[in-house]
Amino acid sequence: MGAAVNTFMILWNDKELTPYWVILAGCLSIGLLLFVRSRIPVRQRDDRPVGVQIGNGQTIGARSEQDDYFACAVEPYGVLAVLADGISGLSGGKVASTTAVETFVREFETLDRFPDPDEFWSESAHLANQAILRNLLGVPGGTTLVSVMIRGRDLYWGAVGDSILSVFRKGELIPINHKHTLESQLEEQYMSGQISEQEALDNPQRKRLVNYLGYDHFKQMEIADEPFALHPADKIVLCSDGVYNSLTEMELETILAQSIPPFDAAQAIIDLIEEKQLVHQDNATIIILEQGW
């Protein structure tokens, strides 16, 4: 044992071997660090937008102008999708929908972390409403808007107007938001006994919007009370009324049930709408988001 120690001390004091001792010490240090790191459990964040697939489709239909507008944004802290349907009966529909979507996307992209959903929807909606009024310059205009934010398996949403949000799960579409039309109010009045079923059905203003972006008296979007919990294989669907007024729920579900990428599904839905060649076909837009969640 003593001989071994003496030999080590001789080698240690040999100045010619100093560089080799330094290299050996460095290697041992790196090895020790790697060993310690391997023993420390790494917590994986479940809110990263990894692998989100996004598909979209759009047709102008029988209209002379495309008043629908949409966009998506993917950031490290989450995913945003926005779809707006400019009111076709108003000359400023295209300006309104474009301004609304661009405002929401800009507000989302300037963040450095996932926002408080209520604050984001409320502030973005009021900013969009003000921007629309400025850009219209007195010209009549307005737009619906439906938007989602995704963080991990949580789906947050806000909506105004009659564009809809659904989640396709196990072969069925689950409706998420409500349509802000007179029809919805008439249905509530019928259910409470204030009017008859026939009165609700015969009202010529049933499809009229009662809340939208682009007018002075806008107050608030419909905002989710709590996030919708996503399941594996769920597909998130945002669409304008040009989609759901042209295709049956069964037709949509048949396409969404196919094992094809979201883009292909969106294109198949638009193709089916165009194949019908409806005389009064409205602009139609759809966004489909899918992930393993």
C-alpha atoms as a PDB file:
ATOM      1  CA  MET A   1       0.000   0.000   0.000  1.00  0.00           C
ATOM      2  CA  GLY A   2       2.873   2.340   0.983  1.00  0.00           C
ATOM      3  CA  ALA A   3       4.693   1.608  -2.285  1.00  0.00           C
ATOM      4  CA  ALA A   4       1.579   2.460  -4.287  1.00  0.00           C
ATOM      5  CA  VAL A   5       1.202   5.773  -2.449  1.00  0.00           C
ATOM      6  CA  ASN A   6       4.866   6.634  -3.063  1.00  0.00           C
ATOM      7  CA  THR A   7       4.531   5.842  -6.758  1.00  0.00           C
ATOM      8  CA  PHE A   8       1.399   8.060  -6.999  1.00  0.00           C
ATOM      9  CA  MET A   9       3.161  10.977  -5.266  1.00  0.00           C
ATOM     10  CA  ILE A  10       6.131  10.683  -7.644  1.00  0.00           C
ATOM     11  CA  LEU A  11       3.794  10.794 -10.650  1.00  0.00           C
ATOM     12  CA  TRP A  12       1.765  13.648  -9.119  1.00  0.00           C
ATOM     13  CA  ASN A  13       4.873  15.784  -8.618  1.00  0.00           C
ATOM     14  CA  ASP A  14       6.193  15.123 -12.125  1.00  0.00           C
ATOM     15  CA  LYS A  15       5.698  18.499 -13.861  1.00  0.00           C
ATOM     16  CA  GLU A  16       5.774  16.877 -17.300  1.00  0.00           C
ATOM     17  CA  LEU A  17       2.592  14.970 -16.396  1.00  0.00           C
ATOM     18  CA  THR A  18       0.666  18.053 -15.139  1.00  0.00           C
ATOM     19  CA  PRO A  19      -1.285  18.610 -18.423  1.00  0.00           C
ATOM     20  CA  TYR A  20      -2.451  15.016 -18.331  1.00  0.00           C
ATOM     21  CA  TRP A  21      -3.612  15.357 -14.726  1.00  0.00           C
ATOM     22  CA  VAL A  22      -5.619  18.454 -15.726  1.00  0.00           C
ATOM     23  CA  ILE A  23      -7.297  16.605 -18.594  1.00  0.00           C
ATOM     24  CA  LEU A  24      -8.045  13.615 -16.340  1.00  0.00           C
ATOM     25  CA  ALA A  25      -9.576  15.880 -13.685  1.00  0.00           C
ATOM     26  CA  GLY A  26     -11.740  17.587 -16.293  1.00  0.00           C
ATOM     27  CA  CYS A  27     -13.007  14.271 -17.606  1.00  0.00           C
ATOM     28  CA  LEU A  28     -13.820  13.070 -14.107  1.00  0.00           C
ATOM     29  CA  SER A  29     -15.713  16.325 -13.382  1.00  0.00           C
ATOM     30  CA  ILE A  30     -17.787  16.044 -16.553  1.00  0.00           C
ATOM     31  CA  GLY A  31     -18.527  12.408 -15.811  1.00  0.00           C
ATOM     32  CA  LEU A  32     -19.649  13.264 -12.287  1.00  0.00           C
ATOM     33  CA  LEU A  33     -21.944  16.047 -13.553  1.00  0.00           C
ATOM     34  CA  LEU A  34     -23.527  13.746 -16.138  1.00  0.00           C
ATOM     35  CA  PHE A  35     -24.080  11.086 -13.481  1.00  0.00           C
ATOM     36  CA  VAL A  36     -25.728  13.543 -11.087  1.00  0.00           C
ATOM     37  CA  ARG A  37     -27.910  14.971 -13.835  1.00  0.00           C
ATOM     38  CA  SER A  38     -29.070  11.496 -14.839  1.00  0.00           C
ATOM     39  CA  ARG A  39     -30.266  10.902 -11.283  1.00  0.00           C
ATOM     40  CA  ILE A  40     -32.366  14.107 -11.153  1.00  0.00           C
ATOM     41  CA  PRO A  41     -35.931  13.625 -12.451  1.00  0.00           C
ATOM     42  CA  VAL A  42     -36.756  16.036 -15.290  1.00  0.00           C
ATOM     43  CA  ARG A  43     -40.278  17.445 -15.203  1.00  0.00           C
ATOM     44  CA  GLN A  44     -41.712  17.630 -18.692  1.00  0.00           C
ATOM     45  CA  ARG A  45     -44.023  20.577 -19.353  1.00  0.00           C
ATOM     46  CA  ASP A  46     -47.392  19.499 -20.723  1.00  0.00           C
ATOM     47  CA  ASP A  47     -48.308  22.928 -22.081  1.00  0.00           C
ATOM     48  CA  ARG A  48     -46.013  22.962 -25.080  1.00  0.00           C
ATOM     49  CA  PRO A  49     -47.753  23.137 -28.485  1.00  0.00           C
ATOM     50  CA  VAL A  50     -45.779  20.172 -29.800  1.00  0.00           C
ATOM     51  CA  GLY A  51     -47.135  18.435 -32.867  1.00  0.00           C
ATOM     52  CA  VAL A  52     -50.261  20.537 -33.346  1.00  0.00           C
ATOM     53  CA  GLN A  53     -51.619  19.929 -36.840  1.00  0.00           C
ATOM     54  CA  ILE A  54     -53.687  22.711 -38.368  1.00  0.00           C
ATOM     55  CA  GLY A  55     -55.826  22.483 -41.474  1.00  0.00           C
ATOM     56  CA  ASN A  56     -58.063  25.052 -43.109  1.00  0.00           C
ATOM     57  CA  GLY A  57     -60.328  25.473 -46.091  1.00  0.00           C
ATOM     58  CA  GLN A  58     -62.325  28.282 -47.633  1.00  0.00           C
ATOM     59  CA  THR A  59     -64.665  29.013 -50.532  1.00  0.00           C
ATOM     60  CA  ILE A  60     -66.173  32.272 -51.723  1.00  0.00           C
ATOM     61  CA  GLY A  61     -69.391  30.439 -52.620  1.00  0.00           C
ATOM     62  CA  ALA A  62     -71.866  32.422 -54.702  1.00  0.00           C
ATOM     63  CA  ARG A  63     -70.817  35.746 -53.175  1.00  0.00           C
ATOM     64  CA  SER A  64     -68.970  38.447 -55.103  1.00  0.00           C
ATOM     65  CA  GLU A  65     -66.480  38.997 -52.265  1.00  0.00           C
ATOM     66  CA  GLN A  66     -64.810  36.897 -49.591  1.00  0.00           C
ATOM     67  CA  ASP A  67     -65.838  38.393 -46.229  1.00  0.00           C
ATOM     68  CA  ASP A  68     -64.496  35.522 -44.097  1.00  0.00           C
ATOM     69  CA  TYR A  69     -61.016  35.835 -42.633  1.00  0.00           C
ATOM     70  CA  PHE A  70     -58.941  33.539 -40.413  1.00  0.00           C
ATOM     71  CA  ALA A  71     -55.483  33.022 -38.959  1.00  0.00           C
ATOM     72  CA  CYS A  72     -53.552  30.850 -36.517  1.00  0.00           C
ATOM     73  CA  ALA A  73     -50.522  31.557 -34.341  1.00  0.00           C
ATOM     74  CA  VAL A  74     -48.256  29.007 -32.665  1.00  0.00           C
ATOM     75  CA  GLU A  75     -46.047  30.253 -29.841  1.00  0.00           C
ATOM     76  CA  PRO A  76     -43.988  28.418 -27.180  1.00  0.00           C
ATOM     77  CA  TYR A  77     -46.701  29.156 -24.612  1.00  0.00           C
ATOM     78  CA  GLY A  78     -49.712  28.021 -26.660  1.00  0.00           C
ATOM     79  CA  VAL A  79     -51.734  28.034 -29.858  1.00  0.00           C
ATOM     80  CA  LEU A  80     -54.311  30.550 -31.086  1.00  0.00           C
ATOM     81  CA  ALA A  81     -56.858  30.095 -33.872  1.00  0.00           C
ATOM     82  CA  VAL A  82     -59.258  32.842 -34.953  1.00  0.00           C
ATOM     83  CA  LEU A  83     -62.060  32.843 -37.518  1.00  0.00           C
ATOM     84  CA  ALA A  84     -64.278  35.809 -38.406  1.00  0.00           C
ATOM     85  CA  ASP A  85     -67.240  36.068 -40.766  1.00  0.00           C
ATOM     86  CA  GLY A  86     -67.835  39.608 -41.993  1.00  0.00           C
ATOM     87  CA  ILE A  87     -71.548  40.436 -42.228  1.00  0.00           C
ATOM     88  CA  SER A  88     -72.298  40.045 -45.931  1.00  0.00           C
ATOM     89  CA  GLY A  89     -75.233  42.444 -45.925  1.00  0.00           C
ATOM     90  CA  LEU A  90     -72.947  45.299 -44.868  1.00  0.00           C
ATOM     91  CA  SER A  91     -70.403  46.882 -47.189  1.00  0.00           C
ATOM     92  CA  GLY A  92     -67.685  46.852 -44.526  1.00  0.00           C
ATOM     93  CA  GLY A  93     -67.863  43.143 -43.761  1.00  0.00           C
ATOM     94  CA  LYS A  94     -64.447  42.328 -45.206  1.00  0.00           C
ATOM     95  CA  VAL A  95     -62.755  45.222 -43.408  1.00  0.00           C
ATOM     96  CA  ALA A  96     -64.387  44.195 -40.137  1.00  0.00           C
ATOM     97  CA  SER A  97     -63.407  40.510 -40.280  1.00  0.00           C
ATOM     98  CA  THR A  98     -59.835  41.241 -41.362  1.00  0.00           C
ATOM     99  CA  THR A  99     -59.346  43.882 -38.671  1.00  0.00           C
ATOM    100  CA  ALA A 100     -60.775  41.627 -35.957  1.00  0.00           C
ATOM    101  CA  VAL A 101     -58.574  38.636 -36.751  1.00  0.00           C
ATOM    102  CA  GLU A 102     -55.419  40.701 -37.146  1.00  0.00           C
ATOM    103  CA  THR A 103     -56.060  42.401 -33.787  1.00  0.00           C
ATOM    104  CA  PHE A 104     -56.451  39.106 -31.922  1.00  0.00           C
ATOM    105  CA  VAL A 105     -53.347  37.589 -33.511  1.00  0.00           C
ATOM    106  CA  ARG A 106     -51.259  40.685 -32.829  1.00  0.00           C
ATOM    107  CA  GLU A 107     -52.297  40.739 -29.171  1.00  0.00           C
ATOM    108  CA  PHE A 108     -51.446  37.043 -28.791  1.00  0.00           C
ATOM    109  CA  GLU A 109     -48.053  37.283 -30.489  1.00  0.00           C
ATOM    110  CA  THR A 110     -46.907  40.188 -28.309  1.00  0.00           C
ATOM    111  CA  LEU A 111     -47.264  38.104 -25.134  1.00  0.00           C
ATOM    112  CA  ASP A 112     -44.345  36.427 -23.392  1.00  0.00           C
ATOM    113  CA  ARG A 113     -46.464  33.808 -21.626  1.00  0.00           C
ATOM    114  CA  PHE A 114     -49.919  32.263 -21.775  1.00  0.00           C
ATOM    115  CA  PRO A 115     -52.448  34.962 -20.853  1.00  0.00           C
ATOM    116  CA  ASP A 116     -55.328  35.020 -18.444  1.00  0.00           C
ATOM    117  CA  PRO A 117     -58.108  33.904 -20.828  1.00  0.00           C
ATOM    118  CA  ASP A 118     -60.812  36.258 -19.537  1.00  0.00           C
ATOM    119  CA  GLU A 119     -58.530  39.266 -19.784  1.00  0.00           C
ATOM    120  CA  PHE A 120     -57.253  38.281 -23.213  1.00  0.00           C
ATOM    121  CA  TRP A 121     -60.712  37.773 -24.742  1.00  0.00           C
ATOM    122  CA  SER A 122     -62.176  40.897 -23.176  1.00  0.00           C
ATOM    123  CA  GLU A 123     -59.291  43.225 -24.013  1.00  0.00           C
ATOM    124  CA  SER A 124     -58.750  41.858 -27.518  1.00  0.00           C
ATOM    125  CA  ALA A 125     -62.469  42.085 -28.321  1.00  0.00           C
ATOM    126  CA  HIS A 126     -62.722  45.712 -27.250  1.00  0.00           C
ATOM    127  CA  LEU A 127     -59.513  46.604 -29.090  1.00  0.00           C
ATOM    128  CA  ALA A 128     -60.854  44.880 -32.200  1.00  0.00           C
ATOM    129  CA  ASN A 129     -64.214  46.623 -31.924  1.00  0.00           C
ATOM    130  CA  GLN A 130     -62.542  50.033 -31.645  1.00  0.00           C
ATOM    131  CA  ALA A 131     -60.187  49.274 -34.552  1.00  0.00           C
ATOM    132  CA  ILE A 132     -63.094  48.154 -36.747  1.00  0.00           C
ATOM    133  CA  LEU A 133     -65.028  51.351 -36.050  1.00  0.00           C
ATOM    134  CA  ARG A 134     -61.962  53.427 -36.922  1.00  0.00           C
ATOM    135  CA  ASN A 135     -61.232  51.519 -40.129  1.00  0.00           C
ATOM    136  CA  LEU A 136     -64.828  51.563 -41.367  1.00  0.00           C
ATOM    137  CA  LEU A 137     -64.843  55.377 -41.492  1.00  0.00           C
ATOM    138  CA  GLY A 138     -68.593  55.488 -41.050  1.00  0.00           C
ATOM    139  CA  VAL A 139     -69.327  52.692 -43.534  1.00  0.00           C
ATOM    140  CA  PRO A 140     -71.698  50.018 -42.122  1.00  0.00           C
ATOM    141  CA  GLY A 141     -69.828  46.867 -41.186  1.00  0.00           C
ATOM    142  CA  GLY A 142     -69.509  44.150 -38.604  1.00  0.00           C
ATOM    143  CA  THR A 143     -68.233  40.637 -38.055  1.00  0.00           C
ATOM    144  CA  THR A 144     -68.689  37.488 -36.045  1.00  0.00           C
ATOM    145  CA  LEU A 145     -65.644  35.934 -34.400  1.00  0.00           C
ATOM    146  CA  VAL A 146     -64.819  32.610 -32.806  1.00  0.00           C
ATOM    147  CA  SER A 147     -61.416  31.971 -31.300  1.00  0.00           C
ATOM    148  CA  VAL A 148     -59.602  29.321 -29.292  1.00  0.00           C
ATOM    149  CA  MET A 149     -56.413  29.170 -27.272  1.00  0.00           C
ATOM    150  CA  ILE A 150     -54.829  25.823 -26.462  1.00  0.00           C
ATOM    151  CA  ARG A 151     -52.387  25.064 -23.671  1.00  0.00           C
ATOM    152  CA  GLY A 152     -51.622  21.423 -23.096  1.00  0.00           C
ATOM    153  CA  ARG A 153     -54.972  19.640 -22.925  1.00  0.00           C
ATOM    154  CA  ASP A 154     -56.941  22.746 -22.010  1.00  0.00           C
ATOM    155  CA  LEU A 155     -59.083  24.477 -24.628  1.00  0.00           C
ATOM    156  CA  TYR A 156     -60.047  28.088 -23.887  1.00  0.00           C
ATOM    157  CA  TRP A 157     -62.447  29.968 -26.133  1.00  0.00           C
ATOM    158  CA  GLY A 158     -64.335  33.162 -26.779  1.00  0.00           C
ATOM    159  CA  ALA A 159     -67.011  33.896 -29.393  1.00  0.00           C
ATOM    160  CA  VAL A 160     -69.426  36.525 -30.644  1.00  0.00           C
ATOM    161  CA  GLY A 161     -71.965  36.167 -33.449  1.00  0.00           C
ATOM    162  CA  ASP A 162     -72.972  32.921 -35.142  1.00  0.00           C
ATOM    163  CA  SER A 163     -69.651  31.329 -36.110  1.00  0.00           C
ATOM    164  CA  ILE A 164     -69.334  28.104 -34.171  1.00  0.00           C
ATOM    165  CA  LEU A 165     -66.831  26.022 -32.256  1.00  0.00           C
ATOM    166  CA  SER A 166     -67.196  22.250 -31.933  1.00  0.00           C
ATOM    167  CA  VAL A 167     -65.041  19.364 -30.774  1.00  0.00           C
ATOM    168  CA  PHE A 168     -65.210  16.131 -32.751  1.00  0.00           C
ATOM    169  CA  ARG A 169     -64.909  13.193 -30.364  1.00  0.00           C
ATOM    170  CA  LYS A 170     -65.584   9.496 -30.957  1.00  0.00           C
ATOM    171  CA  GLY A 171     -67.608  10.085 -34.104  1.00  0.00           C
ATOM    172  CA  GLU A 172     -69.727  12.993 -32.868  1.00  0.00           C
ATOM    173  CA  LEU A 173     -69.544  16.787 -32.903  1.00  0.00           C
ATOM    174  CA  ILE A 174     -69.858  18.390 -29.483  1.00  0.00           C
ATOM    175  CA  PRO A 175     -71.139  21.992 -29.713  1.00  0.00           C
ATOM    176  CA  ILE A 176     -69.206  24.380 -27.474  1.00  0.00           C
ATOM    177  CA  ASN A 177     -70.419  27.953 -27.931  1.00  0.00           C
ATOM    178  CA  HIS A 178     -73.847  29.523 -28.533  1.00  0.00           C
ATOM    179  CA  LYS A 179     -74.992  31.426 -31.603  1.00  0.00           C
ATOM    180  CA  HIS A 180     -75.769  35.063 -30.842  1.00  0.00           C
ATOM    181  CA  THR A 181     -78.817  35.347 -33.066  1.00  0.00           C
ATOM    182  CA  LEU A 182     -82.435  36.281 -32.555  1.00  0.00           C
ATOM    183  CA  GLU A 183     -83.211  32.606 -33.142  1.00  0.00           C
ATOM    184  CA  SER A 184     -81.463  31.681 -29.891  1.00  0.00           C
ATOM    185  CA  GLN A 185     -83.480  34.293 -28.004  1.00  0.00           C
ATOM    186  CA  LEU A 186     -86.706  33.075 -29.597  1.00  0.00           C
ATOM    187  CA  GLU A 187     -85.923  29.524 -28.533  1.00  0.00           C
ATOM    188  CA  GLU A 188     -85.404  30.704 -24.955  1.00  0.00           C
ATOM    189  CA  GLN A 189     -88.713  32.596 -25.064  1.00  0.00           C
ATOM    190  CA  TYR A 190     -90.471  29.480 -26.376  1.00  0.00           C
ATOM    191  CA  MET A 191     -88.934  27.288 -23.666  1.00  0.00           C
ATOM    192  CA  SER A 192     -90.073  29.740 -20.978  1.00  0.00           C
ATOM    193  CA  GLY A 193     -93.599  29.832 -22.408  1.00  0.00           C
ATOM    194  CA  GLN A 194     -93.494  33.468 -23.545  1.00  0.00           C
ATOM    195  CA  ILE A 195     -94.237  32.608 -27.196  1.00  0.00           C
ATOM    196  CA  SER A 196     -95.488  29.581 -29.106  1.00  0.00           C
ATOM    197  CA  GLU A 197     -93.260  27.275 -31.123  1.00  0.00           C
ATOM    198  CA  GLN A 198     -94.861  28.516 -34.347  1.00  0.00           C
ATOM    199  CA  GLU A 199     -94.181  32.139 -33.431  1.00  0.00           C
ATOM    200  CA  ALA A 200     -90.535  31.285 -32.890  1.00  0.00           C
ATOM    201  CA  LEU A 201     -90.289  29.456 -36.209  1.00  0.00           C
ATOM    202  CA  ASP A 202     -92.179  32.046 -38.258  1.00  0.00           C
ATOM    203  CA  ASN A 203     -90.208  35.106 -37.147  1.00  0.00           C
ATOM    204  CA  PRO A 204     -88.583  36.504 -40.336  1.00  0.00           C
ATOM    205  CA  GLN A 205     -85.666  37.933 -38.338  1.00  0.00           C
ATOM    206  CA  ARG A 206     -84.644  34.610 -36.791  1.00  0.00           C
ATOM    207  CA  LYS A 207     -81.156  34.656 -38.341  1.00  0.00           C
ATOM    208  CA  ARG A 208     -80.379  38.263 -37.398  1.00  0.00           C
ATOM    209  CA  LEU A 209     -77.286  38.719 -35.249  1.00  0.00           C
ATOM    210  CA  VAL A 210     -77.886  40.262 -31.838  1.00  0.00           C
ATOM    211  CA  ASN A 211     -74.206  40.563 -30.908  1.00  0.00           C
ATOM    212  CA  TYR A 212     -71.163  41.100 -33.095  1.00  0.00           C
ATOM    213  CA  LEU A 213     -67.982  43.158 -33.425  1.00  0.00           C
ATOM    214  CA  GLY A 214     -68.145  46.480 -35.223  1.00  0.00           C
ATOM    215  CA  TYR A 215     -70.835  48.568 -33.572  1.00  0.00           C
ATOM    216  CA  ASP A 216     -70.877  51.186 -30.819  1.00  0.00           C
ATOM    217  CA  HIS A 217     -72.976  49.204 -28.373  1.00  0.00           C
ATOM    218  CA  PHE A 218     -70.830  46.060 -28.350  1.00  0.00           C
ATOM    219  CA  LYS A 219     -70.354  44.929 -24.758  1.00  0.00           C
ATOM    220  CA  GLN A 220     -68.784  41.514 -24.399  1.00  0.00           C
ATOM    221  CA  MET A 221     -67.898  38.225 -26.060  1.00  0.00           C
ATOM    222  CA  GLU A 222     -69.164  34.916 -24.783  1.00  0.00           C
ATOM    223  CA  ILE A 223     -66.205  33.542 -22.813  1.00  0.00           C
ATOM    224  CA  ALA A 224     -65.778  30.022 -21.464  1.00  0.00           C
ATOM    225  CA  ASP A 225     -66.349  29.766 -17.713  1.00  0.00           C
ATOM    226  CA  GLU A 226     -63.671  27.082 -17.552  1.00  0.00           C
ATOM    227  CA  PRO A 227     -61.395  25.326 -20.059  1.00  0.00           C
ATOM    228  CA  PHE A 228     -62.749  22.420 -22.074  1.00  0.00           C
ATOM    229  CA  ALA A 229     -60.669  19.310 -21.326  1.00  0.00           C
ATOM    230  CA  LEU A 230     -59.353  17.744 -24.519  1.00  0.00           C
ATOM    231  CA  HIS A 231     -59.066  13.989 -24.983  1.00  0.00           C
ATOM    232  CA  PRO A 232     -56.644  12.073 -27.196  1.00  0.00           C
ATOM    233  CA  ALA A 233     -57.769  12.111 -30.862  1.00  0.00           C
ATOM    234  CA  ASP A 234     -60.108  15.102 -30.369  1.00  0.00           C
ATOM    235  CA  LYS A 235     -60.429  17.434 -33.353  1.00  0.00           C
ATOM    236  CA  ILE A 236     -61.211  21.107 -32.758  1.00  0.00           C
ATOM    237  CA  VAL A 237     -63.434  22.653 -35.421  1.00  0.00           C
ATOM    238  CA  LEU A 238     -64.102  26.355 -36.026  1.00  0.00           C
ATOM    239  CA  CYS A 239     -66.373  27.318 -38.899  1.00  0.00           C
ATOM    240  CA  SER A 240     -68.543  30.052 -40.354  1.00  0.00           C
ATOM    241  CA  ASP A 241     -72.248  29.650 -41.067  1.00  0.00           C
ATOM    242  CA  GLY A 242     -71.465  28.989 -44.715  1.00  0.00           C
ATOM    243  CA  VAL A 243     -70.261  25.555 -43.591  1.00  0.00           C
ATOM    244  CA  TYR A 244     -72.932  24.419 -41.152  1.00  0.00           C
ATOM    245  CA  ASN A 245     -75.802  25.872 -43.200  1.00  0.00           C
ATOM    246  CA  SER A 246     -74.651  23.924 -46.261  1.00  0.00           C
ATOM    247  CA  LEU A 247     -73.695  20.547 -44.808  1.00  0.00           C
ATOM    248  CA  THR A 248     -75.551  18.330 -42.402  1.00  0.00           C
ATOM    249  CA  GLU A 249     -73.967  17.317 -39.130  1.00  0.00           C
ATOM    250  CA  MET A 250     -73.728  13.765 -40.450  1.00  0.00           C
ATOM    251  CA  GLU A 251     -71.844  14.916 -43.557  1.00  0.00           C
ATOM    252  CA  LEU A 252     -69.340  16.785 -41.411  1.00  0.00           C
ATOM    253  CA  GLU A 253     -68.920  13.877 -39.003  1.00  0.00           C
ATOM    254  CA  THR A 254     -68.363  11.415 -41.852  1.00  0.00           C
ATOM    255  CA  ILE A 255     -65.418  13.438 -43.144  1.00  0.00           C
ATOM    256  CA  LEU A 256     -63.991  14.186 -39.709  1.00  0.00           C
ATOM    257  CA  ALA A 257     -64.091  10.476 -38.828  1.00  0.00           C
ATOM    258  CA  GLN A 258     -61.620   9.668 -41.599  1.00  0.00           C
ATOM    259  CA  SER A 259     -57.985   9.066 -40.652  1.00  0.00           C
ATOM    260  CA  ILE A 260     -56.633  11.924 -42.735  1.00  0.00           C
ATOM    261  CA  PRO A 261     -54.639  15.058 -41.823  1.00  0.00           C
ATOM    262  CA  PRO A 262     -56.639  18.133 -40.747  1.00  0.00           C
ATOM    263  CA  PHE A 263     -55.783  19.983 -43.949  1.00  0.00           C
ATOM    264  CA  ASP A 264     -57.164  17.150 -46.084  1.00  0.00           C
ATOM    265  CA  ALA A 265     -60.316  16.994 -43.953  1.00  0.00           C
ATOM    266  CA  ALA A 266     -60.849  20.746 -44.284  1.00  0.00           C
ATOM    267  CA  GLN A 267     -60.390  20.581 -48.046  1.00  0.00           C
ATOM    268  CA  ALA A 268     -62.789  17.629 -48.310  1.00  0.00           C
ATOM    269  CA  ILE A 269     -65.443  19.636 -46.454  1.00  0.00           C
ATOM    270  CA  ILE A 270     -65.006  22.639 -48.753  1.00  0.00           C
ATOM    271  CA  ASP A 271     -65.047  20.370 -51.818  1.00  0.00           C
ATOM    272  CA  LEU A 272     -68.352  18.865 -50.703  1.00  0.00           C
ATOM    273  CA  ILE A 273     -69.847  22.326 -50.231  1.00  0.00           C
ATOM    274  CA  GLU A 274     -68.767  23.394 -53.711  1.00  0.00           C
ATOM    275  CA  GLU A 275     -70.085  20.168 -55.242  1.00  0.00           C
ATOM    276  CA  LYS A 276     -73.591  21.050 -54.054  1.00  0.00           C
ATOM    277  CA  GLN A 277     -73.529  24.290 -56.097  1.00  0.00           C
ATOM    278  CA  LEU A 278     -76.141  25.938 -53.893  1.00  0.00           C
ATOM    279  CA  VAL A 279     -77.614  29.045 -55.523  1.00  0.00           C
ATOM    280  CA  HIS A 280     -77.183  31.239 -52.465  1.00  0.00           C
ATOM    281  CA  GLN A 281     -74.016  29.643 -51.105  1.00  0.00           C
ATOM    282  CA  ASP A 282     -72.430  31.933 -48.526  1.00  0.00           C
ATOM    283  CA  ASN A 283     -68.694  32.313 -47.927  1.00  0.00           C
ATOM    284  CA  ALA A 284     -67.564  29.209 -46.056  1.00  0.00           C
ATOM    285  CA  THR A 285     -64.449  28.822 -43.908  1.00  0.00           C
ATOM    286  CA  ILE A 286     -63.258  26.067 -41.590  1.00  0.00           C
ATOM    287  CA  ILE A 287     -60.253  25.503 -39.327  1.00  0.00           C
ATOM    288  CA  ILE A 288     -59.435  22.074 -37.891  1.00  0.00           C
ATOM    289  CA  LEU A 289     -56.820  21.523 -35.176  1.00  0.00           C
ATOM    290  CA  GLU A 290     -55.617  18.135 -34.052  1.00  0.00           C
ATOM    291  CA  GLN A 291     -52.935  16.746 -31.752  1.00  0.00           C
ATOM    292  CA  GLY A 292     -52.324  13.833 -29.420  1.00  0.00           C
ATOM    293  CA  TRP A 293     -53.264  16.197 -26.551  1.00  0.00           C
END
